[in-house]
Amino acid sequence: MLRPGQRAATDAYERRCLQVLRVAYPPRFMKTRGAEMLGTLLDLAEPGRSRPSARTVLDVLRGGLALRLRERPPLRHWLPYWFLGWRLPDKYRWWARDDLLGAFLPERRLLGMILLVGLPLALRDDDQDLRTQAGRAIVWSLTYLTCRLTASRTRRRLLAKHGFHPDGTPYPATPSTGRRRASSAAG
């Protein structure tokens, strides 16, 4: 039986493990495997510890990073998806869902635009006066507002394009009818 002090340490250890797991792994993984991962961490914990060791935290973060990189689409698929709104191949469909439901979607998309367009413009070596700099600041502010105001519509559109409802649940699978095409049936 645990004494009250030991129970508090176990609760603190569990909370900290959950924090590390949430940072390391995508929400979809935590929903399906989070309890299993937490149980493993709690089973391996030394009695009386209030926080996981640095080595345990690094191992969990490394595992989460490996999973995220393994599921991430290659650059040739990601760039058109990110900048043009193209649909990713089915293999990366769930990654797209996690990405679109993630925090700060408009800010992340704006950062991508800044890196693609704004950074080369800012690095130009021409002489810039105050009006040019103020004009650019206004343009980027308006771009941010546009991204922010259209975020929910963009999120819904891209989720639908990948086969998900706005809340992230997948569309129901349509059963195959088993009918052949008329041209192949005639021959």
N, C-alpha and C. Protein backbone atom coordinates (compact mmCIF):
# COMPACT_ATOMS: atom_id res chain seq x y z
N MET A 1 0.84 -1.19 0.00
CA MET A 1 0.00 0.00 0.00
C MET A 1 0.88 1.24 0.00
N LEU A 2 0.50 2.23 -0.79
CA LEU A 2 1.28 3.45 -0.89
C LEU A 2 0.93 4.41 0.24
N ARG A 3 1.96 5.03 0.78
CA ARG A 3 1.72 6.09 1.76
C ARG A 3 1.33 7.36 1.01
N PRO A 4 0.71 8.33 1.69
CA PRO A 4 0.27 9.56 1.02
C PRO A 4 1.39 10.28 0.28
N GLY A 5 2.57 10.34 0.82
CA GLY A 5 3.70 11.00 0.16
C GLY A 5 4.12 10.27 -1.11
N GLN A 6 4.07 8.94 -1.07
CA GLN A 6 4.42 8.18 -2.26
C GLN A 6 3.38 8.34 -3.36
N ARG A 7 2.11 8.43 -2.97
CA ARG A 7 1.05 8.61 -3.96
C ARG A 7 1.19 9.95 -4.66
N ALA A 8 1.54 11.00 -3.92
CA ALA A 8 1.73 12.32 -4.51
C ALA A 8 2.90 12.30 -5.49
N ALA A 9 3.98 11.58 -5.14
CA ALA A 9 5.13 11.47 -6.04
C ALA A 9 4.73 10.72 -7.31
N THR A 10 3.92 9.67 -7.15
CA THR A 10 3.48 8.90 -8.32
C THR A 10 2.59 9.76 -9.22
N ASP A 11 1.70 10.54 -8.63
CA ASP A 11 0.85 11.43 -9.42
C ASP A 11 1.67 12.48 -10.17
N ALA A 12 2.66 13.05 -9.49
CA ALA A 12 3.53 14.04 -10.14
C ALA A 12 4.32 13.39 -11.27
N TYR A 13 4.82 12.17 -11.01
CA TYR A 13 5.58 11.45 -12.04
C TYR A 13 4.68 11.18 -13.25
N GLU A 14 3.46 10.76 -13.00
CA GLU A 14 2.52 10.47 -14.09
C GLU A 14 2.20 11.73 -14.90
N ARG A 15 1.97 12.84 -14.21
CA ARG A 15 1.68 14.11 -14.91
C ARG A 15 2.86 14.52 -15.78
N ARG A 16 4.05 14.40 -15.25
CA ARG A 16 5.22 14.82 -16.03
C ARG A 16 5.45 13.89 -17.22
N CYS A 17 5.21 12.61 -17.03
CA CYS A 17 5.34 11.67 -18.15
C CYS A 17 4.33 11.99 -19.24
N LEU A 18 3.11 12.32 -18.84
CA LEU A 18 2.09 12.69 -19.82
C LEU A 18 2.48 13.96 -20.58
N GLN A 19 3.06 14.91 -19.89
CA GLN A 19 3.51 16.13 -20.56
C GLN A 19 4.57 15.81 -21.61
N VAL A 20 5.53 14.97 -21.25
CA VAL A 20 6.59 14.62 -22.19
C VAL A 20 6.01 13.86 -23.38
N LEU A 21 5.11 12.93 -23.11
CA LEU A 21 4.50 12.15 -24.19
C LEU A 21 3.69 13.04 -25.13
N ARG A 22 2.96 14.00 -24.60
CA ARG A 22 2.16 14.91 -25.44
C ARG A 22 3.03 15.79 -26.32
N VAL A 23 4.18 16.18 -25.80
CA VAL A 23 5.11 16.98 -26.60
C VAL A 23 5.74 16.12 -27.69
N ALA A 24 6.10 14.90 -27.35
CA ALA A 24 6.87 14.07 -28.26
C ALA A 24 6.02 13.45 -29.37
N TYR A 25 4.83 12.98 -29.05
CA TYR A 25 4.05 12.20 -30.00
C TYR A 25 2.83 12.96 -30.51
N PRO A 26 2.41 12.68 -31.74
CA PRO A 26 1.21 13.34 -32.27
C PRO A 26 -0.05 12.91 -31.51
N PRO A 27 -1.08 13.75 -31.51
CA PRO A 27 -2.31 13.43 -30.77
C PRO A 27 -2.94 12.09 -31.19
N ARG A 28 -2.88 11.80 -32.48
CA ARG A 28 -3.45 10.54 -32.96
C ARG A 28 -2.76 9.34 -32.33
N PHE A 29 -1.45 9.40 -32.19
CA PHE A 29 -0.69 8.33 -31.56
C PHE A 29 -1.02 8.25 -30.08
N MET A 30 -1.14 9.40 -29.44
CA MET A 30 -1.46 9.41 -28.00
C MET A 30 -2.84 8.83 -27.75
N LYS A 31 -3.76 9.04 -28.66
CA LYS A 31 -5.11 8.52 -28.49
C LYS A 31 -5.11 6.98 -28.58
N THR A 32 -4.30 6.43 -29.47
CA THR A 32 -4.30 4.98 -29.66
C THR A 32 -3.30 4.26 -28.77
N ARG A 33 -2.14 4.87 -28.51
CA ARG A 33 -1.08 4.18 -27.77
C ARG A 33 -0.61 4.90 -26.52
N GLY A 34 -1.23 6.02 -26.19
CA GLY A 34 -0.76 6.82 -25.07
C GLY A 34 -0.82 6.10 -23.73
N ALA A 35 -1.92 5.39 -23.48
CA ALA A 35 -2.06 4.67 -22.20
C ALA A 35 -0.99 3.58 -22.08
N GLU A 36 -0.72 2.92 -23.18
CA GLU A 36 0.31 1.87 -23.19
C GLU A 36 1.70 2.46 -22.90
N MET A 37 2.00 3.58 -23.55
CA MET A 37 3.31 4.23 -23.33
C MET A 37 3.43 4.73 -21.88
N LEU A 38 2.35 5.34 -21.38
CA LEU A 38 2.37 5.84 -20.01
C LEU A 38 2.53 4.69 -19.03
N GLY A 39 1.82 3.60 -19.26
CA GLY A 39 1.95 2.42 -18.39
C GLY A 39 3.37 1.88 -18.36
N THR A 40 4.01 1.86 -19.52
CA THR A 40 5.40 1.39 -19.58
C THR A 40 6.31 2.32 -18.79
N LEU A 41 6.13 3.62 -18.96
CA LEU A 41 6.96 4.57 -18.20
C LEU A 41 6.73 4.44 -16.70
N LEU A 42 5.49 4.24 -16.29
CA LEU A 42 5.20 4.10 -14.86
C LEU A 42 5.75 2.79 -14.32
N ASP A 43 5.72 1.72 -15.11
CA ASP A 43 6.28 0.44 -14.67
C ASP A 43 7.80 0.52 -14.49
N LEU A 44 8.45 1.31 -15.33
CA LEU A 44 9.91 1.42 -15.27
C LEU A 44 10.40 2.44 -14.25
N ALA A 45 9.48 3.20 -13.66
CA ALA A 45 9.87 4.26 -12.73
C ALA A 45 10.42 3.68 -11.43
N GLU A 46 11.43 4.35 -10.92
CA GLU A 46 11.97 3.99 -9.61
C GLU A 46 11.00 4.49 -8.55
N PRO A 47 10.80 3.76 -7.47
CA PRO A 47 9.85 4.18 -6.43
C PRO A 47 10.25 5.53 -5.82
N GLY A 48 9.23 6.37 -5.63
CA GLY A 48 9.45 7.65 -4.97
C GLY A 48 9.89 8.78 -5.88
N ARG A 49 10.10 8.54 -7.16
CA ARG A 49 10.53 9.61 -8.06
C ARG A 49 9.35 10.51 -8.39
N SER A 50 9.63 11.80 -8.47
CA SER A 50 8.56 12.75 -8.80
C SER A 50 8.66 13.22 -10.25
N ARG A 51 9.74 12.88 -10.91
CA ARG A 51 9.90 13.25 -12.33
C ARG A 51 10.76 12.22 -13.03
N PRO A 52 10.52 12.01 -14.32
CA PRO A 52 11.35 11.05 -15.05
C PRO A 52 12.78 11.57 -15.20
N SER A 53 13.70 10.64 -15.33
CA SER A 53 15.11 11.03 -15.48
C SER A 53 15.33 11.71 -16.82
N ALA A 54 16.40 12.44 -16.94
CA ALA A 54 16.73 13.13 -18.19
C ALA A 54 16.89 12.13 -19.32
N ARG A 55 17.47 10.99 -19.03
CA ARG A 55 17.66 9.97 -20.05
C ARG A 55 16.31 9.45 -20.56
N THR A 56 15.36 9.23 -19.66
CA THR A 56 14.03 8.77 -20.05
C THR A 56 13.34 9.82 -20.91
N VAL A 57 13.42 11.08 -20.51
CA VAL A 57 12.81 12.15 -21.27
C VAL A 57 13.41 12.22 -22.67
N LEU A 58 14.73 12.15 -22.76
CA LEU A 58 15.39 12.20 -24.07
C LEU A 58 15.01 11.01 -24.94
N ASP A 59 14.89 9.82 -24.33
CA ASP A 59 14.48 8.64 -25.10
C ASP A 59 13.06 8.80 -25.64
N VAL A 60 12.16 9.33 -24.82
CA VAL A 60 10.77 9.53 -25.28
C VAL A 60 10.75 10.58 -26.39
N LEU A 61 11.47 11.68 -26.22
CA LEU A 61 11.51 12.72 -27.24
C LEU A 61 12.13 12.20 -28.54
N ARG A 62 13.17 11.40 -28.42
CA ARG A 62 13.81 10.81 -29.61
C ARG A 62 12.84 9.89 -30.34
N GLY A 63 12.11 9.06 -29.59
CA GLY A 63 11.13 8.17 -30.21
C GLY A 63 10.01 8.94 -30.89
N GLY A 64 9.54 10.00 -30.26
CA GLY A 64 8.49 10.83 -30.86
C GLY A 64 8.97 11.53 -32.12
N LEU A 65 10.20 12.04 -32.08
CA LEU A 65 10.76 12.70 -33.25
C LEU A 65 10.93 11.70 -34.40
N ALA A 66 11.39 10.49 -34.08
CA ALA A 66 11.55 9.46 -35.12
C ALA A 66 10.19 9.14 -35.75
N LEU A 67 9.16 9.02 -34.94
CA LEU A 67 7.82 8.74 -35.47
C LEU A 67 7.34 9.88 -36.35
N ARG A 68 7.50 11.10 -35.88
CA ARG A 68 7.05 12.25 -36.67
C ARG A 68 7.80 12.36 -38.00
N LEU A 69 9.09 12.10 -38.00
CA LEU A 69 9.86 12.17 -39.24
C LEU A 69 9.52 11.02 -40.18
N ARG A 70 9.22 9.86 -39.63
CA ARG A 70 8.88 8.70 -40.45
C ARG A 70 7.55 8.91 -41.16
N GLU A 71 6.62 9.60 -40.51
CA GLU A 71 5.29 9.82 -41.10
C GLU A 71 5.23 11.05 -42.00
N ARG A 72 6.22 11.89 -41.92
CA ARG A 72 6.20 13.16 -42.67
C ARG A 72 6.39 12.90 -44.16
N PRO A 73 5.62 13.62 -45.00
CA PRO A 73 5.80 13.43 -46.44
C PRO A 73 7.12 14.00 -46.92
N PRO A 74 7.66 13.45 -48.00
CA PRO A 74 8.89 14.01 -48.55
C PRO A 74 8.65 15.42 -49.10
N LEU A 75 9.72 16.14 -49.27
CA LEU A 75 9.65 17.54 -49.68
C LEU A 75 8.88 17.72 -50.98
N ARG A 76 9.03 16.79 -51.92
CA ARG A 76 8.35 16.93 -53.21
C ARG A 76 6.82 16.88 -53.07
N HIS A 77 6.31 16.25 -52.02
CA HIS A 77 4.87 16.24 -51.76
C HIS A 77 4.47 17.37 -50.81
N TRP A 78 5.36 17.69 -49.87
CA TRP A 78 5.02 18.66 -48.84
C TRP A 78 4.93 20.09 -49.40
N LEU A 79 5.85 20.47 -50.26
CA LEU A 79 5.86 21.85 -50.78
C LEU A 79 4.56 22.20 -51.52
N PRO A 80 4.10 21.38 -52.47
CA PRO A 80 2.81 21.73 -53.12
C PRO A 80 1.64 21.70 -52.15
N TYR A 81 1.68 20.79 -51.18
CA TYR A 81 0.62 20.73 -50.17
C TYR A 81 0.60 22.02 -49.36
N TRP A 82 1.75 22.45 -48.92
CA TRP A 82 1.83 23.60 -48.02
C TRP A 82 1.55 24.91 -48.72
N PHE A 83 2.14 25.11 -49.89
CA PHE A 83 2.02 26.41 -50.54
C PHE A 83 0.86 26.51 -51.53
N LEU A 84 0.45 25.39 -52.12
CA LEU A 84 -0.60 25.44 -53.14
C LEU A 84 -1.89 24.75 -52.69
N GLY A 85 -1.87 24.10 -51.52
CA GLY A 85 -3.07 23.43 -51.03
C GLY A 85 -3.38 22.13 -51.74
N TRP A 86 -2.38 21.50 -52.36
CA TRP A 86 -2.62 20.24 -53.07
C TRP A 86 -2.88 19.13 -52.07
N ARG A 87 -3.51 18.09 -52.54
CA ARG A 87 -3.80 16.92 -51.72
C ARG A 87 -2.56 16.03 -51.66
N LEU A 88 -2.27 15.53 -50.47
CA LEU A 88 -1.15 14.61 -50.30
C LEU A 88 -1.58 13.20 -50.70
N PRO A 89 -0.63 12.34 -51.07
CA PRO A 89 -0.99 10.94 -51.32
C PRO A 89 -1.61 10.31 -50.07
N ASP A 90 -2.41 9.26 -50.27
CA ASP A 90 -3.13 8.62 -49.16
C ASP A 90 -2.21 8.16 -48.03
N LYS A 91 -0.99 7.83 -48.37
CA LYS A 91 -0.04 7.38 -47.35
C LYS A 91 0.18 8.44 -46.26
N TYR A 92 0.05 9.71 -46.62
CA TYR A 92 0.32 10.82 -45.70
C TYR A 92 -0.96 11.51 -45.25
N ARG A 93 -2.09 10.89 -45.49
CA ARG A 93 -3.39 11.48 -45.18
C ARG A 93 -3.53 11.81 -43.70
N TRP A 94 -3.13 10.90 -42.83
CA TRP A 94 -3.28 11.13 -41.39
C TRP A 94 -2.29 12.17 -40.89
N TRP A 95 -1.13 12.23 -41.52
CA TRP A 95 -0.18 13.28 -41.17
C TRP A 95 -0.79 14.64 -41.49
N ALA A 96 -1.45 14.75 -42.65
CA ALA A 96 -2.08 16.01 -43.04
C ALA A 96 -3.17 16.39 -42.03
N ARG A 97 -3.92 15.41 -41.56
CA ARG A 97 -4.96 15.68 -40.56
C ARG A 97 -4.34 16.26 -39.30
N ASP A 98 -3.28 15.62 -38.81
CA ASP A 98 -2.62 16.12 -37.61
C ASP A 98 -2.07 17.52 -37.84
N ASP A 99 -1.52 17.76 -39.01
CA ASP A 99 -0.96 19.06 -39.33
C ASP A 99 -2.05 20.13 -39.37
N LEU A 100 -3.16 19.82 -40.00
CA LEU A 100 -4.23 20.80 -40.14
C LEU A 100 -4.97 21.06 -38.84
N LEU A 101 -5.02 20.08 -37.96
CA LEU A 101 -5.68 20.28 -36.67
C LEU A 101 -4.73 20.81 -35.61
N GLY A 102 -3.45 20.94 -35.95
CA GLY A 102 -2.46 21.41 -35.00
C GLY A 102 -2.62 22.88 -34.66
N ALA A 103 -1.93 23.28 -33.62
CA ALA A 103 -2.01 24.66 -33.15
C ALA A 103 -1.28 25.60 -34.10
N PHE A 104 -1.74 26.83 -34.14
CA PHE A 104 -1.09 27.92 -34.87
C PHE A 104 -0.99 27.66 -36.37
N LEU A 105 -2.01 27.07 -36.97
CA LEU A 105 -1.98 26.81 -38.42
C LEU A 105 -1.76 28.08 -39.23
N PRO A 106 -2.50 29.17 -38.98
CA PRO A 106 -2.26 30.37 -39.80
C PRO A 106 -0.85 30.93 -39.64
N GLU A 107 -0.35 30.89 -38.42
CA GLU A 107 1.00 31.41 -38.18
C GLU A 107 2.05 30.53 -38.86
N ARG A 108 1.86 29.23 -38.83
CA ARG A 108 2.81 28.33 -39.49
C ARG A 108 2.78 28.53 -41.00
N ARG A 109 1.60 28.72 -41.56
CA ARG A 109 1.50 28.95 -43.00
C ARG A 109 2.12 30.30 -43.38
N LEU A 110 1.91 31.30 -42.55
CA LEU A 110 2.50 32.61 -42.80
C LEU A 110 4.03 32.54 -42.70
N LEU A 111 4.52 31.79 -41.73
CA LEU A 111 5.97 31.64 -41.61
C LEU A 111 6.55 31.00 -42.87
N GLY A 112 5.85 30.04 -43.42
CA GLY A 112 6.29 29.44 -44.68
C GLY A 112 6.34 30.45 -45.80
N MET A 113 5.31 31.31 -45.87
CA MET A 113 5.30 32.36 -46.91
C MET A 113 6.45 33.34 -46.71
N ILE A 114 6.69 33.68 -45.45
CA ILE A 114 7.78 34.62 -45.18
C ILE A 114 9.12 34.03 -45.60
N LEU A 115 9.32 32.76 -45.28
CA LEU A 115 10.58 32.12 -45.65
C LEU A 115 10.73 31.99 -47.16
N LEU A 116 9.63 31.74 -47.85
CA LEU A 116 9.70 31.56 -49.29
C LEU A 116 9.79 32.89 -50.04
N VAL A 117 9.03 33.88 -49.60
CA VAL A 117 8.94 35.14 -50.34
C VAL A 117 9.64 36.29 -49.62
N GLY A 118 9.34 36.43 -48.34
CA GLY A 118 9.82 37.60 -47.60
C GLY A 118 11.31 37.61 -47.34
N LEU A 119 11.87 36.47 -47.02
CA LEU A 119 13.30 36.41 -46.72
C LEU A 119 14.16 36.80 -47.92
N PRO A 120 13.89 36.25 -49.11
CA PRO A 120 14.69 36.71 -50.27
C PRO A 120 14.54 38.21 -50.53
N LEU A 121 13.33 38.74 -50.32
CA LEU A 121 13.16 40.18 -50.53
C LEU A 121 13.93 40.99 -49.49
N ALA A 122 13.93 40.52 -48.26
CA ALA A 122 14.63 41.24 -47.19
C ALA A 122 16.14 41.17 -47.36
N LEU A 123 16.63 40.12 -47.98
CA LEU A 123 18.08 39.96 -48.13
C LEU A 123 18.65 40.67 -49.36
N ARG A 124 17.77 41.27 -50.14
CA ARG A 124 18.27 42.02 -51.29
C ARG A 124 19.16 43.15 -50.79
N ASP A 125 20.11 43.52 -51.60
CA ASP A 125 21.11 44.48 -51.18
C ASP A 125 20.79 45.91 -51.62
N ASP A 126 19.60 46.14 -52.11
CA ASP A 126 19.31 47.50 -52.57
C ASP A 126 19.05 48.43 -51.38
N ASP A 127 19.16 49.69 -51.64
CA ASP A 127 18.98 50.70 -50.60
C ASP A 127 17.48 50.86 -50.34
N GLN A 128 17.08 50.67 -49.09
CA GLN A 128 15.66 50.74 -48.75
C GLN A 128 15.41 51.95 -47.86
N ASP A 129 14.44 52.73 -48.25
CA ASP A 129 14.08 53.87 -47.41
C ASP A 129 12.98 53.45 -46.43
N LEU A 130 12.61 54.37 -45.59
CA LEU A 130 11.62 54.10 -44.54
C LEU A 130 10.25 53.76 -45.12
N ARG A 131 9.88 54.41 -46.23
CA ARG A 131 8.57 54.13 -46.85
C ARG A 131 8.51 52.70 -47.36
N THR A 132 9.58 52.21 -47.94
CA THR A 132 9.61 50.84 -48.44
C THR A 132 9.46 49.86 -47.29
N GLN A 133 10.17 50.08 -46.21
CA GLN A 133 10.09 49.19 -45.06
C GLN A 133 8.70 49.25 -44.43
N ALA A 134 8.12 50.43 -44.32
CA ALA A 134 6.77 50.56 -43.77
C ALA A 134 5.75 49.87 -44.68
N GLY A 135 5.93 50.00 -45.98
CA GLY A 135 5.03 49.34 -46.93
C GLY A 135 5.09 47.83 -46.79
N ARG A 136 6.28 47.30 -46.63
CA ARG A 136 6.41 45.85 -46.44
C ARG A 136 5.77 45.40 -45.13
N ALA A 137 5.94 46.19 -44.09
CA ALA A 137 5.33 45.85 -42.81
C ALA A 137 3.81 45.83 -42.93
N ILE A 138 3.27 46.78 -43.67
CA ILE A 138 1.82 46.82 -43.87
C ILE A 138 1.37 45.60 -44.68
N VAL A 139 2.10 45.27 -45.73
CA VAL A 139 1.74 44.10 -46.55
C VAL A 139 1.77 42.83 -45.72
N TRP A 140 2.79 42.65 -44.91
CA TRP A 140 2.87 41.43 -44.09
C TRP A 140 1.80 41.42 -43.01
N SER A 141 1.46 42.58 -42.49
CA SER A 141 0.38 42.64 -41.49
C SER A 141 -0.96 42.26 -42.13
N LEU A 142 -1.21 42.77 -43.32
CA LEU A 142 -2.44 42.41 -44.01
C LEU A 142 -2.45 40.93 -44.40
N THR A 143 -1.30 40.42 -44.77
CA THR A 143 -1.21 38.99 -45.09
C THR A 143 -1.50 38.15 -43.86
N TYR A 144 -0.97 38.55 -42.72
CA TYR A 144 -1.25 37.83 -41.48
C TYR A 144 -2.74 37.87 -41.15
N LEU A 145 -3.35 39.04 -41.25
CA LEU A 145 -4.78 39.15 -40.97
C LEU A 145 -5.60 38.28 -41.91
N THR A 146 -5.20 38.25 -43.17
CA THR A 146 -5.91 37.40 -44.14
C THR A 146 -5.77 35.93 -43.75
N CYS A 147 -4.55 35.52 -43.40
CA CYS A 147 -4.33 34.12 -42.97
C CYS A 147 -5.17 33.81 -41.74
N ARG A 148 -5.22 34.73 -40.82
CA ARG A 148 -5.95 34.52 -39.57
C ARG A 148 -7.45 34.44 -39.81
N LEU A 149 -7.97 35.34 -40.65
CA LEU A 149 -9.40 35.39 -40.90
C LEU A 149 -9.91 34.23 -41.75
N THR A 150 -9.06 33.70 -42.61
CA THR A 150 -9.47 32.60 -43.48
C THR A 150 -9.01 31.24 -42.97
N ALA A 151 -8.47 31.20 -41.75
CA ALA A 151 -7.89 29.95 -41.23
C ALA A 151 -8.91 28.83 -41.13
N SER A 152 -10.08 29.11 -40.58
CA SER A 152 -11.06 28.03 -40.40
C SER A 152 -11.57 27.52 -41.74
N ARG A 153 -11.78 28.42 -42.69
CA ARG A 153 -12.22 27.99 -44.01
C ARG A 153 -11.13 27.17 -44.71
N THR A 154 -9.89 27.61 -44.61
CA THR A 154 -8.77 26.88 -45.21
C THR A 154 -8.63 25.51 -44.55
N ARG A 155 -8.73 25.47 -43.24
CA ARG A 155 -8.63 24.21 -42.51
C ARG A 155 -9.74 23.24 -42.95
N ARG A 156 -10.98 23.72 -43.02
CA ARG A 156 -12.10 22.87 -43.44
C ARG A 156 -11.91 22.36 -44.86
N ARG A 157 -11.48 23.24 -45.76
CA ARG A 157 -11.30 22.86 -47.16
C ARG A 157 -10.21 21.80 -47.30
N LEU A 158 -9.09 22.00 -46.63
CA LEU A 158 -8.00 21.04 -46.74
C LEU A 158 -8.32 19.72 -46.04
N LEU A 159 -9.04 19.78 -44.93
CA LEU A 159 -9.47 18.53 -44.28
C LEU A 159 -10.39 17.74 -45.20
N ALA A 160 -11.34 18.44 -45.84
CA ALA A 160 -12.25 17.75 -46.76
C ALA A 160 -11.49 17.17 -47.95
N LYS A 161 -10.49 17.88 -48.41
CA LYS A 161 -9.70 17.40 -49.54
C LYS A 161 -8.98 16.09 -49.20
N HIS A 162 -8.65 15.90 -47.91
CA HIS A 162 -7.96 14.69 -47.47
C HIS A 162 -8.91 13.64 -46.90
N GLY A 163 -10.22 13.90 -46.97
CA GLY A 163 -11.21 12.91 -46.57
C GLY A 163 -11.60 12.96 -45.10
N PHE A 164 -11.61 14.15 -44.51
CA PHE A 164 -11.95 14.30 -43.10
C PHE A 164 -13.04 15.35 -42.92
N HIS A 165 -13.86 15.15 -41.89
CA HIS A 165 -14.82 16.16 -41.47
C HIS A 165 -14.06 17.30 -40.79
N PRO A 166 -14.70 18.46 -40.59
CA PRO A 166 -14.01 19.58 -39.91
C PRO A 166 -13.48 19.25 -38.52
N ASP A 167 -14.08 18.28 -37.83
CA ASP A 167 -13.58 17.91 -36.50
C ASP A 167 -12.45 16.88 -36.56
N GLY A 168 -12.07 16.45 -37.76
CA GLY A 168 -10.96 15.51 -37.91
C GLY A 168 -11.36 14.06 -38.02
N THR A 169 -12.64 13.75 -37.92
CA THR A 169 -13.07 12.36 -38.08
C THR A 169 -13.13 12.05 -39.57
N PRO A 170 -12.74 10.84 -39.95
CA PRO A 170 -12.72 10.51 -41.38
C PRO A 170 -14.13 10.33 -41.93
N TYR A 171 -14.26 10.60 -43.21
CA TYR A 171 -15.52 10.32 -43.89
C TYR A 171 -15.73 8.81 -43.88
N PRO A 172 -16.97 8.36 -43.83
CA PRO A 172 -17.19 6.91 -43.87
C PRO A 172 -16.75 6.35 -45.22
N ALA A 173 -16.20 5.15 -45.17
CA ALA A 173 -15.75 4.50 -46.40
C ALA A 173 -16.96 4.10 -47.22
N THR A 174 -16.89 4.34 -48.51
CA THR A 174 -17.98 3.94 -49.38
C THR A 174 -17.71 2.53 -49.87
N PRO A 175 -18.69 1.64 -49.73
CA PRO A 175 -18.47 0.26 -50.17
C PRO A 175 -18.37 0.18 -51.69
N SER A 176 -17.57 -0.74 -52.15
CA SER A 176 -17.41 -0.95 -53.57
C SER A 176 -18.67 -1.60 -54.11
N THR A 177 -19.13 -1.14 -55.26
CA THR A 177 -20.36 -1.69 -55.83
C THR A 177 -20.12 -2.99 -56.55
N GLY A 178 -18.91 -3.25 -56.95
CA GLY A 178 -18.60 -4.51 -57.62
C GLY A 178 -19.02 -4.52 -59.08
N ARG A 179 -19.52 -3.40 -59.60
CA ARG A 179 -19.93 -3.34 -61.00
C ARG A 179 -18.71 -3.07 -61.87
N ARG A 180 -18.75 -3.68 -63.00
CA ARG A 180 -17.68 -3.44 -63.97
C ARG A 180 -18.09 -2.29 -64.88
N ARG A 181 -17.13 -1.73 -65.51
CA ARG A 181 -17.42 -0.66 -66.47
C ARG A 181 -18.14 -1.24 -67.68
N ALA A 182 -18.99 -0.45 -68.28
CA ALA A 182 -19.79 -0.93 -69.42
C ALA A 182 -18.91 -1.33 -70.59
N SER A 183 -17.81 -0.61 -70.80
CA SER A 183 -16.94 -0.93 -71.94
C SER A 183 -16.28 -2.29 -71.78
N SER A 184 -15.92 -2.66 -70.55
CA SER A 184 -15.28 -3.96 -70.36
C SER A 184 -16.30 -5.09 -70.33
N ALA A 185 -17.56 -4.78 -69.97
CA ALA A 185 -18.59 -5.82 -69.94
C ALA A 185 -19.05 -6.17 -71.36
N ALA A 186 -18.98 -5.21 -72.28
CA ALA A 186 -19.46 -5.45 -73.63
C ALA A 186 -18.53 -6.37 -74.40
N GLY A 187 -17.24 -6.36 -74.04
CA GLY A 187 -16.24 -7.09 -74.82
C GLY A 187 -16.10 -8.49 -74.46
